[in-house]
């Protein structure tokens, strides 16, 4: 029997009740993501890129030495841009070039994140964006939220059934309404200084939510 036929059969012999439920589950984050890199300037493009590459090699070596695996290091952008001087009533003139190289990294030991940031700055990184915190394997947390949402929907259906002098016969369908979206991370841009003390890190708590649309059949 198709879903449409199932709904039609239920509507002839009972009352269909559609319930939407939302629930959350929280965990302490166990992974941090951030981007870091190097920006350099020189009078010509080749010199800017050469200086950038040499400095970036030190940064990447430091990232690896801090225990970040190669699979958690990904280049996200390399660029070279001319720098201009603007003067009134004159065309802009190129004064030099800026090269940048950025990598995205994942730190799986959040307790060491402050030390990783310190090491990055000491090795020459002058751009750091983040961190954002998350759960490395979120599916179990989503399942917890799904189960809580389903219990919520069942309790609501029982309430409606009792109010109408009916009973809940069965669940006709369950759908994950709206999908399961992780929270938007709070991103920060930090102006790094080699003289700064170890960066304070507070991962807090990450909350994941589940939304269910459940159709129940009510009857005598």
Foldseek 3Di string as FASTA:
>chain_A
DDLVVLVVVLVVAFDKDKDKFKFKFKDQFQKKKKKWKAKAKDQEQVVQVVVRVVLRVLLVVLLVVLPFDPVFKAKDDWDKDFDWDDDPPDDIDTRIMMIMTMIMGMDRHVVCVLVSVLSNVVSHIQWMKDIFTDHPDCPVRAVVQVVVRVVVRVVVVQVVQVVVVKGWDFWSDKDFPPDKDWDDTDMDIDRDDNPDDRDDDDSDMTMTMTMMIIMITIGD
